[in-house]
Amino acid sequence: FHELSVKNDYMGFADFRAAFTSDSPAAFSVDPSEGALSKDPTTLQVRFRPDGMGVFEGYLVVETEDFKKTWKLIGTTG
């Protein structure tokens, strides 16, 4: 797995949701998928478990009421 740190750049706490877009392969997952962000970083664990050979691309979206951040992830096998 890979760890990704995310924090709230705005005042106070903000509830967040983290998920891959619907067109991303099921090989990608994120935990936790929801929680609260503050000025202190929150660590998300991104896992890549492919069901076949090749290159897999997915988009991870972390969203609060104040912002939306998107990362393009690429996983490869072999």
N, C-alpha and C. Protein backbone atom coordinates (compact mmCIF):
# COMPACT_ATOMS: atom_id res chain seq x y z
N PHE A 1 0.84 -1.19 0.00
CA PHE A 1 0.00 0.00 0.00
C PHE A 1 0.87 1.23 0.00
N HIS A 2 0.26 2.36 -0.28
CA HIS A 2 0.94 3.65 -0.29
C HIS A 2 0.18 4.58 0.64
N GLU A 3 0.92 5.40 1.39
CA GLU A 3 0.26 6.35 2.30
C GLU A 3 0.26 7.74 1.68
N LEU A 4 -0.87 8.42 1.87
CA LEU A 4 -1.06 9.76 1.35
C LEU A 4 -1.56 10.63 2.50
N SER A 5 -0.89 11.74 2.75
CA SER A 5 -1.30 12.64 3.83
C SER A 5 -2.13 13.79 3.27
N VAL A 6 -3.27 14.03 3.91
CA VAL A 6 -4.18 15.09 3.49
C VAL A 6 -4.53 15.92 4.71
N LYS A 7 -4.60 17.23 4.55
CA LYS A 7 -5.00 18.08 5.67
C LYS A 7 -5.98 19.14 5.19
N ASN A 8 -6.65 19.75 6.13
CA ASN A 8 -7.59 20.82 5.83
C ASN A 8 -6.82 22.14 5.85
N ASP A 9 -6.75 22.79 4.71
CA ASP A 9 -6.03 24.06 4.63
C ASP A 9 -6.86 25.24 5.13
N TYR A 10 -8.11 24.97 5.50
CA TYR A 10 -9.00 26.01 5.97
C TYR A 10 -9.14 25.92 7.49
N MET A 11 -9.93 26.77 8.08
CA MET A 11 -10.09 26.83 9.53
C MET A 11 -10.84 25.60 10.05
N GLY A 12 -10.43 25.13 11.21
CA GLY A 12 -11.17 24.09 11.92
C GLY A 12 -11.17 22.73 11.26
N PHE A 13 -12.22 21.98 11.59
CA PHE A 13 -12.38 20.62 11.09
C PHE A 13 -13.34 20.60 9.91
N ALA A 14 -13.18 19.61 9.06
CA ALA A 14 -14.11 19.42 7.94
C ALA A 14 -14.27 17.93 7.70
N ASP A 15 -15.51 17.49 7.59
CA ASP A 15 -15.77 16.10 7.23
C ASP A 15 -15.31 15.87 5.80
N PHE A 16 -14.75 14.68 5.54
CA PHE A 16 -14.30 14.38 4.19
C PHE A 16 -14.81 13.02 3.74
N ARG A 17 -14.82 12.86 2.42
CA ARG A 17 -15.08 11.58 1.79
C ARG A 17 -13.97 11.33 0.79
N ALA A 18 -13.47 10.11 0.77
CA ALA A 18 -12.42 9.73 -0.17
C ALA A 18 -12.90 8.51 -0.95
N ALA A 19 -12.80 8.58 -2.27
CA ALA A 19 -13.24 7.46 -3.10
C ALA A 19 -12.58 7.56 -4.46
N PHE A 20 -12.56 6.43 -5.15
CA PHE A 20 -12.11 6.42 -6.54
C PHE A 20 -13.31 6.67 -7.43
N THR A 21 -13.07 7.32 -8.55
CA THR A 21 -14.16 7.59 -9.49
C THR A 21 -14.73 6.27 -9.99
N SER A 22 -15.96 6.32 -10.48
CA SER A 22 -16.65 5.10 -10.90
C SER A 22 -15.98 4.40 -12.07
N ASP A 23 -15.20 5.15 -12.86
CA ASP A 23 -14.51 4.53 -13.99
C ASP A 23 -13.13 4.00 -13.62
N SER A 24 -12.74 4.12 -12.35
CA SER A 24 -11.46 3.57 -11.89
C SER A 24 -11.60 2.07 -11.66
N PRO A 25 -10.55 1.30 -11.94
CA PRO A 25 -10.65 -0.14 -11.73
C PRO A 25 -10.78 -0.50 -10.25
N ALA A 26 -11.43 -1.63 -9.99
CA ALA A 26 -11.62 -2.11 -8.62
C ALA A 26 -10.30 -2.51 -7.96
N ALA A 27 -9.22 -2.51 -8.72
CA ALA A 27 -7.90 -2.85 -8.18
C ALA A 27 -7.43 -1.83 -7.15
N PHE A 28 -8.01 -0.62 -7.18
CA PHE A 28 -7.62 0.44 -6.25
C PHE A 28 -8.64 0.54 -5.12
N SER A 29 -8.15 0.80 -3.90
CA SER A 29 -9.03 1.07 -2.76
C SER A 29 -8.35 2.08 -1.84
N VAL A 30 -9.16 2.73 -0.99
CA VAL A 30 -8.64 3.73 -0.06
C VAL A 30 -9.29 3.53 1.30
N ASP A 31 -8.50 3.74 2.36
CA ASP A 31 -8.99 3.61 3.73
C ASP A 31 -8.30 4.65 4.59
N PRO A 32 -9.01 5.44 5.38
CA PRO A 32 -10.46 5.45 5.53
C PRO A 32 -11.12 6.16 4.35
N SER A 33 -12.38 5.84 4.14
CA SER A 33 -13.11 6.47 3.05
C SER A 33 -13.89 7.70 3.51
N GLU A 34 -13.92 7.91 4.81
CA GLU A 34 -14.54 9.13 5.34
C GLU A 34 -13.97 9.40 6.73
N GLY A 35 -14.16 10.65 7.17
CA GLY A 35 -13.64 11.06 8.47
C GLY A 35 -13.64 12.57 8.58
N ALA A 36 -12.74 13.08 9.42
CA ALA A 36 -12.63 14.53 9.63
C ALA A 36 -11.19 14.96 9.38
N LEU A 37 -11.04 16.05 8.66
CA LEU A 37 -9.72 16.64 8.41
C LEU A 37 -9.54 17.86 9.29
N SER A 38 -8.30 18.07 9.71
CA SER A 38 -7.94 19.26 10.48
C SER A 38 -6.64 19.81 9.90
N LYS A 39 -6.02 20.73 10.63
CA LYS A 39 -4.73 21.27 10.20
C LYS A 39 -3.64 20.20 10.26
N ASP A 40 -3.83 19.20 11.13
CA ASP A 40 -2.89 18.08 11.22
C ASP A 40 -3.20 17.08 10.12
N PRO A 41 -2.19 16.56 9.46
CA PRO A 41 -2.43 15.63 8.35
C PRO A 41 -3.15 14.35 8.79
N THR A 42 -4.03 13.89 7.94
CA THR A 42 -4.70 12.60 8.08
C THR A 42 -4.09 11.68 7.03
N THR A 43 -3.73 10.47 7.44
CA THR A 43 -3.09 9.53 6.52
C THR A 43 -4.13 8.61 5.89
N LEU A 44 -4.14 8.58 4.57
CA LEU A 44 -4.99 7.67 3.83
C LEU A 44 -4.10 6.55 3.29
N GLN A 45 -4.58 5.32 3.37
CA GLN A 45 -3.86 4.19 2.79
C GLN A 45 -4.51 3.82 1.46
N VAL A 46 -3.72 3.88 0.41
CA VAL A 46 -4.19 3.52 -0.93
C VAL A 46 -3.60 2.16 -1.27
N ARG A 47 -4.48 1.24 -1.64
CA ARG A 47 -4.03 -0.12 -1.98
C ARG A 47 -4.25 -0.38 -3.47
N PHE A 48 -3.34 -1.18 -4.03
CA PHE A 48 -3.42 -1.60 -5.42
C PHE A 48 -3.34 -3.12 -5.44
N ARG A 49 -4.44 -3.75 -5.79
CA ARG A 49 -4.51 -5.22 -5.87
C ARG A 49 -5.11 -5.59 -7.22
N PRO A 50 -4.27 -5.69 -8.25
CA PRO A 50 -4.78 -5.97 -9.59
C PRO A 50 -5.30 -7.40 -9.73
N ASP A 51 -6.26 -7.58 -10.63
CA ASP A 51 -6.81 -8.90 -10.89
C ASP A 51 -6.27 -9.48 -12.20
N GLY A 52 -5.27 -8.82 -12.77
CA GLY A 52 -4.67 -9.27 -14.01
C GLY A 52 -3.39 -8.50 -14.29
N MET A 53 -2.84 -8.75 -15.45
CA MET A 53 -1.59 -8.09 -15.84
C MET A 53 -1.90 -6.78 -16.57
N GLY A 54 -0.93 -5.85 -16.53
CA GLY A 54 -1.07 -4.63 -17.31
C GLY A 54 -0.90 -3.36 -16.50
N VAL A 55 -1.36 -2.27 -17.10
CA VAL A 55 -1.30 -0.94 -16.49
C VAL A 55 -2.72 -0.54 -16.11
N PHE A 56 -2.90 -0.06 -14.89
CA PHE A 56 -4.21 0.34 -14.38
C PHE A 56 -4.13 1.81 -13.98
N GLU A 57 -5.12 2.61 -14.40
CA GLU A 57 -5.19 4.02 -14.05
C GLU A 57 -6.49 4.30 -13.31
N GLY A 58 -6.38 5.06 -12.22
CA GLY A 58 -7.56 5.43 -11.47
C GLY A 58 -7.43 6.83 -10.91
N TYR A 59 -8.56 7.41 -10.52
CA TYR A 59 -8.58 8.76 -9.97
C TYR A 59 -9.15 8.72 -8.56
N LEU A 60 -8.34 9.17 -7.60
CA LEU A 60 -8.76 9.26 -6.20
C LEU A 60 -9.25 10.69 -5.95
N VAL A 61 -10.45 10.80 -5.38
CA VAL A 61 -11.03 12.11 -5.08
C VAL A 61 -11.24 12.22 -3.57
N VAL A 62 -10.72 13.28 -2.98
CA VAL A 62 -10.95 13.61 -1.57
C VAL A 62 -11.71 14.92 -1.56
N GLU A 63 -12.89 14.90 -0.92
CA GLU A 63 -13.77 16.06 -1.01
C GLU A 63 -14.30 16.44 0.37
N THR A 64 -14.32 17.75 0.63
CA THR A 64 -14.97 18.32 1.80
C THR A 64 -15.96 19.36 1.31
N GLU A 65 -16.58 20.04 2.24
CA GLU A 65 -17.49 21.13 1.86
C GLU A 65 -16.72 22.29 1.21
N ASP A 66 -15.43 22.43 1.57
CA ASP A 66 -14.63 23.57 1.11
C ASP A 66 -13.74 23.29 -0.09
N PHE A 67 -13.36 22.03 -0.33
CA PHE A 67 -12.44 21.75 -1.43
C PHE A 67 -12.64 20.34 -1.96
N LYS A 68 -12.05 20.15 -3.15
CA LYS A 68 -12.06 18.84 -3.80
C LYS A 68 -10.68 18.65 -4.42
N LYS A 69 -9.99 17.57 -4.04
CA LYS A 69 -8.66 17.28 -4.57
C LYS A 69 -8.72 15.94 -5.30
N THR A 70 -8.05 15.88 -6.44
CA THR A 70 -8.04 14.66 -7.25
C THR A 70 -6.61 14.28 -7.58
N TRP A 71 -6.31 12.98 -7.46
CA TRP A 71 -5.00 12.45 -7.82
C TRP A 71 -5.19 11.36 -8.87
N LYS A 72 -4.35 11.37 -9.88
CA LYS A 72 -4.33 10.29 -10.86
C LYS A 72 -3.30 9.27 -10.39
N LEU A 73 -3.74 8.02 -10.25
CA LEU A 73 -2.85 6.96 -9.80
C LEU A 73 -2.67 5.94 -10.92
N ILE A 74 -1.45 5.46 -11.06
CA ILE A 74 -1.12 4.46 -12.07
C ILE A 74 -0.48 3.28 -11.37
N GLY A 75 -1.05 2.10 -11.58
CA GLY A 75 -0.50 0.88 -11.03
C GLY A 75 -0.11 -0.05 -12.17
N THR A 76 1.02 -0.74 -12.03
CA THR A 76 1.46 -1.66 -13.06
C THR A 76 1.81 -3.01 -12.45
N THR A 77 1.75 -4.03 -13.28
CA THR A 77 2.17 -5.37 -12.87
C THR A 77 3.31 -5.80 -13.76
N GLY A 78 4.05 -6.76 -13.27
CA GLY A 78 5.12 -7.37 -14.08
C GLY A 78 6.27 -6.49 -14.27
